[in-house]
Amino acid sequence: MDQVIRKKTTREIYASHSKRTPPQLVSEMVIWLHNVRSLHNVGSAFRTADAFGIKALFLSGYTPCPPRPEISKTALGAEETVSWRHAADPMDHVAWCRDNDYVLAGMEQTHQSRLLTDYHPDPKTRLCLLFGNEVTGIDADLLAGCQELLEIPQYGTKHSFNISVSLGITCYHFLHNSLLS
């Protein structure tokens, strides 16, 4: 039995995506990148935020901002569709989270972290997911401002994921759990 598999056109893909509405937990979510050096990782964050219907992307520290060709190359235009803001002082983002009733959740491996798979917030929770530098992680002063510390379970000998992979895993976790609630 030979069945011809027909791929969707870009127009068909867009039409099916435009009929979907992300769950509130995801549509109200903010992703925050602090001191992320790689322009390609920043571009990937824009693209991931667009794909999941994330509310906004926050940038701080020496994280590069659009417009930059290297960001655009990976973002594929998502830097034009995702709301974003940069703060010279990262504590401005911490204050924004507090003032807007967002739970600041740091994605970091600490003695106080809980596994992402064990974290199931109420679907109406407003989350800001903080990701730090690719090598050194989240700065200590920002960790202190987090209400939640989460880590992705890992089983191999390496101790980290690329930040763009971490973003995808984390966003999918919240999308999947929202759809199950």
Protein backbone atom coordinates (compact mmCIF):
# COMPACT_ATOMS: atom_id res chain seq x y z
CA MET A 1 0.00 0.00 0.00
CA ASP A 2 1.81 3.06 -1.28
CA GLN A 3 0.59 6.30 0.19
CA VAL A 4 1.91 9.57 -1.17
CA ILE A 5 2.86 11.90 1.64
CA ARG A 6 2.30 15.50 0.68
CA LYS A 7 4.09 18.21 2.64
CA LYS A 8 2.15 21.34 3.56
CA THR A 9 3.04 24.52 1.75
CA THR A 10 4.20 27.53 3.74
CA ARG A 11 0.78 29.09 3.18
CA GLU A 12 -0.99 25.95 4.49
CA ILE A 13 1.29 25.81 7.54
CA TYR A 14 0.58 29.46 8.34
CA ALA A 15 -3.17 28.94 7.89
CA SER A 16 -3.22 26.04 10.36
CA HIS A 17 -1.04 27.92 12.89
CA SER A 18 -3.20 31.05 12.71
CA LYS A 19 -6.24 29.04 13.86
CA ARG A 20 -4.50 28.06 17.11
CA THR A 21 -4.40 30.05 20.33
CA PRO A 22 -1.68 29.25 22.88
CA PRO A 23 -2.80 28.45 26.43
CA GLN A 24 -2.76 31.42 28.84
CA LEU A 25 0.30 30.17 30.74
CA VAL A 26 2.29 30.27 27.50
CA SER A 27 0.74 33.38 25.91
CA GLU A 28 1.47 35.41 29.07
CA MET A 29 4.99 33.98 29.48
CA VAL A 30 8.08 36.16 29.17
CA ILE A 31 11.53 34.80 28.30
CA TRP A 32 14.47 36.76 29.69
CA LEU A 33 18.04 36.37 28.40
CA HIS A 34 20.75 37.92 30.58
CA ASN A 35 24.39 38.07 29.40
CA VAL A 36 23.79 35.62 26.57
CA ARG A 37 26.74 36.17 24.26
CA SER A 38 25.76 34.29 21.10
CA LEU A 39 23.80 36.26 18.52
CA HIS A 40 22.60 32.95 17.08
CA ASN A 41 21.20 31.91 20.48
CA VAL A 42 19.39 35.24 20.70
CA GLY A 43 17.97 34.73 17.20
CA SER A 44 16.88 31.24 18.18
CA ALA A 45 15.17 32.65 21.28
CA PHE A 46 13.15 35.03 19.10
CA ARG A 47 12.16 32.18 16.79
CA THR A 48 11.19 29.91 19.70
CA ALA A 49 9.19 32.71 21.34
CA ASP A 50 7.32 33.29 18.09
CA ALA A 51 6.63 29.57 17.57
CA PHE A 52 5.14 29.13 21.05
CA GLY A 53 3.23 32.43 21.09
CA ILE A 54 5.27 33.82 24.00
CA LYS A 55 4.26 37.31 25.18
CA ALA A 56 7.70 38.97 25.09
CA LEU A 57 11.45 38.55 25.18
CA PHE A 58 13.51 40.53 27.69
CA LEU A 59 17.20 41.16 27.09
CA SER A 60 19.78 42.53 29.51
CA GLY A 61 23.48 42.78 30.20
CA TYR A 62 25.61 42.28 27.13
CA THR A 63 22.95 40.21 25.36
CA PRO A 64 22.90 41.58 21.80
CA CYS A 65 19.73 43.26 20.50
CA PRO A 66 18.20 43.52 17.04
CA PRO A 67 18.81 44.70 14.45
CA ARG A 68 21.80 42.46 13.82
CA PRO A 69 22.27 40.24 10.73
CA GLU A 70 23.37 37.30 12.89
CA ILE A 71 20.18 37.51 14.96
CA SER A 72 18.02 37.84 11.84
CA LYS A 73 19.70 34.85 10.20
CA THR A 74 18.52 32.53 12.99
CA ALA A 75 15.30 34.35 13.92
CA LEU A 76 14.00 34.26 10.33
CA GLY A 77 12.05 37.47 10.95
CA ALA A 78 10.77 36.62 14.44
CA GLU A 79 12.66 39.62 15.81
CA GLU A 80 10.01 41.65 13.95
CA THR A 81 7.00 39.70 15.34
CA VAL A 82 7.97 39.16 18.98
CA SER A 83 7.69 42.03 21.43
CA TRP A 84 11.04 42.66 23.13
CA ARG A 85 12.77 45.12 25.39
CA HIS A 86 16.28 45.66 26.65
CA ALA A 87 17.20 46.94 30.11
CA ALA A 88 20.65 48.31 30.81
CA ASP A 89 20.06 47.47 34.47
CA PRO A 90 18.71 43.90 34.82
CA MET A 91 17.08 44.84 38.12
CA ASP A 92 14.58 46.82 36.00
CA HIS A 93 13.30 43.47 34.68
CA VAL A 94 13.14 42.08 38.23
CA ALA A 95 11.09 45.11 39.27
CA TRP A 96 8.83 44.70 36.21
CA CYS A 97 8.15 41.07 37.22
CA ARG A 98 7.29 42.12 40.77
CA ASP A 99 5.12 45.06 39.64
CA ASN A 100 3.22 42.92 37.11
CA ASP A 101 2.68 39.85 39.32
CA TYR A 102 5.07 37.60 37.39
CA VAL A 103 6.83 34.68 39.02
CA LEU A 104 10.52 34.99 38.16
CA ALA A 105 11.80 31.48 37.50
CA GLY A 106 15.53 31.05 36.99
CA MET A 107 16.62 28.15 34.81
CA GLU A 108 19.73 27.13 36.73
CA GLN A 109 21.26 24.10 38.42
CA THR A 110 21.47 24.97 42.11
CA HIS A 111 21.07 23.06 45.37
CA GLN A 112 17.65 24.71 45.67
CA SER A 113 16.42 23.96 42.12
CA ARG A 114 13.62 21.57 41.45
CA LEU A 115 13.29 19.52 38.32
CA LEU A 116 11.29 21.20 35.57
CA THR A 117 9.25 18.00 35.24
CA ASP A 118 8.09 18.41 38.86
CA TYR A 119 6.94 22.02 38.39
CA HIS A 120 3.32 22.42 37.34
CA PRO A 121 2.12 25.96 38.10
CA ASP A 122 -1.50 26.96 38.02
CA PRO A 123 -2.44 27.69 34.37
CA LYS A 124 -3.15 31.33 35.29
CA THR A 125 0.37 31.85 36.68
CA ARG A 126 2.34 34.56 34.92
CA LEU A 127 5.90 33.34 34.43
CA CYS A 128 9.12 35.05 33.44
CA LEU A 129 11.77 32.44 32.60
CA LEU A 130 15.29 33.73 33.18
CA PHE A 131 18.18 32.18 31.23
CA GLY A 132 21.76 33.21 31.91
CA ASN A 133 25.14 33.12 30.22
CA GLU A 134 26.01 30.03 28.19
CA VAL A 135 29.00 29.22 30.44
CA THR A 136 28.53 30.92 33.81
CA GLY A 137 24.73 30.76 34.09
CA ILE A 138 22.62 33.30 35.98
CA ASP A 139 24.39 35.97 38.06
CA ALA A 140 24.09 35.52 41.84
CA ASP A 141 22.23 38.82 42.35
CA LEU A 142 19.58 37.77 39.82
CA LEU A 143 19.29 34.27 41.31
CA ALA A 144 18.46 35.94 44.63
CA GLY A 145 15.51 37.68 42.96
CA CYS A 146 14.00 34.45 41.65
CA GLN A 147 10.92 32.97 43.30
CA GLU A 148 11.52 29.62 41.56
CA LEU A 149 14.68 27.83 40.47
CA LEU A 150 14.21 25.10 37.89
CA GLU A 151 16.48 22.69 36.09
CA ILE A 152 15.98 20.33 33.20
CA PRO A 153 16.55 16.69 34.19
CA GLN A 154 19.63 15.21 32.55
CA TYR A 155 21.02 11.70 32.60
CA GLY A 156 24.25 11.73 30.61
CA THR A 157 27.78 12.77 31.42
CA LYS A 158 27.45 16.33 30.08
CA HIS A 159 25.94 18.83 32.47
CA SER A 160 24.18 21.32 30.22
CA PHE A 161 22.23 21.97 27.03
CA ASN A 162 22.75 24.74 24.52
CA ILE A 163 20.55 27.65 25.57
CA SER A 164 18.43 27.38 22.43
CA VAL A 165 17.74 23.72 23.23
CA SER A 166 16.96 24.61 26.87
CA LEU A 167 14.47 27.23 25.67
CA GLY A 168 12.70 24.75 23.43
CA ILE A 169 12.52 22.06 26.11
CA THR A 170 11.27 24.51 28.74
CA CYS A 171 8.64 26.16 26.54
CA TYR A 172 7.38 22.78 25.36
CA HIS A 173 7.11 21.57 28.98
CA PHE A 174 4.79 24.47 29.83
CA LEU A 175 2.80 24.13 26.60
CA HIS A 176 2.31 20.40 27.09
CA ASN A 177 1.30 20.74 30.73
CA SER A 178 -1.11 23.57 29.89
CA LEU A 179 -2.82 21.44 27.27
CA LEU A 180 -3.21 18.59 29.80
CA SER A 181 -4.82 20.80 32.48
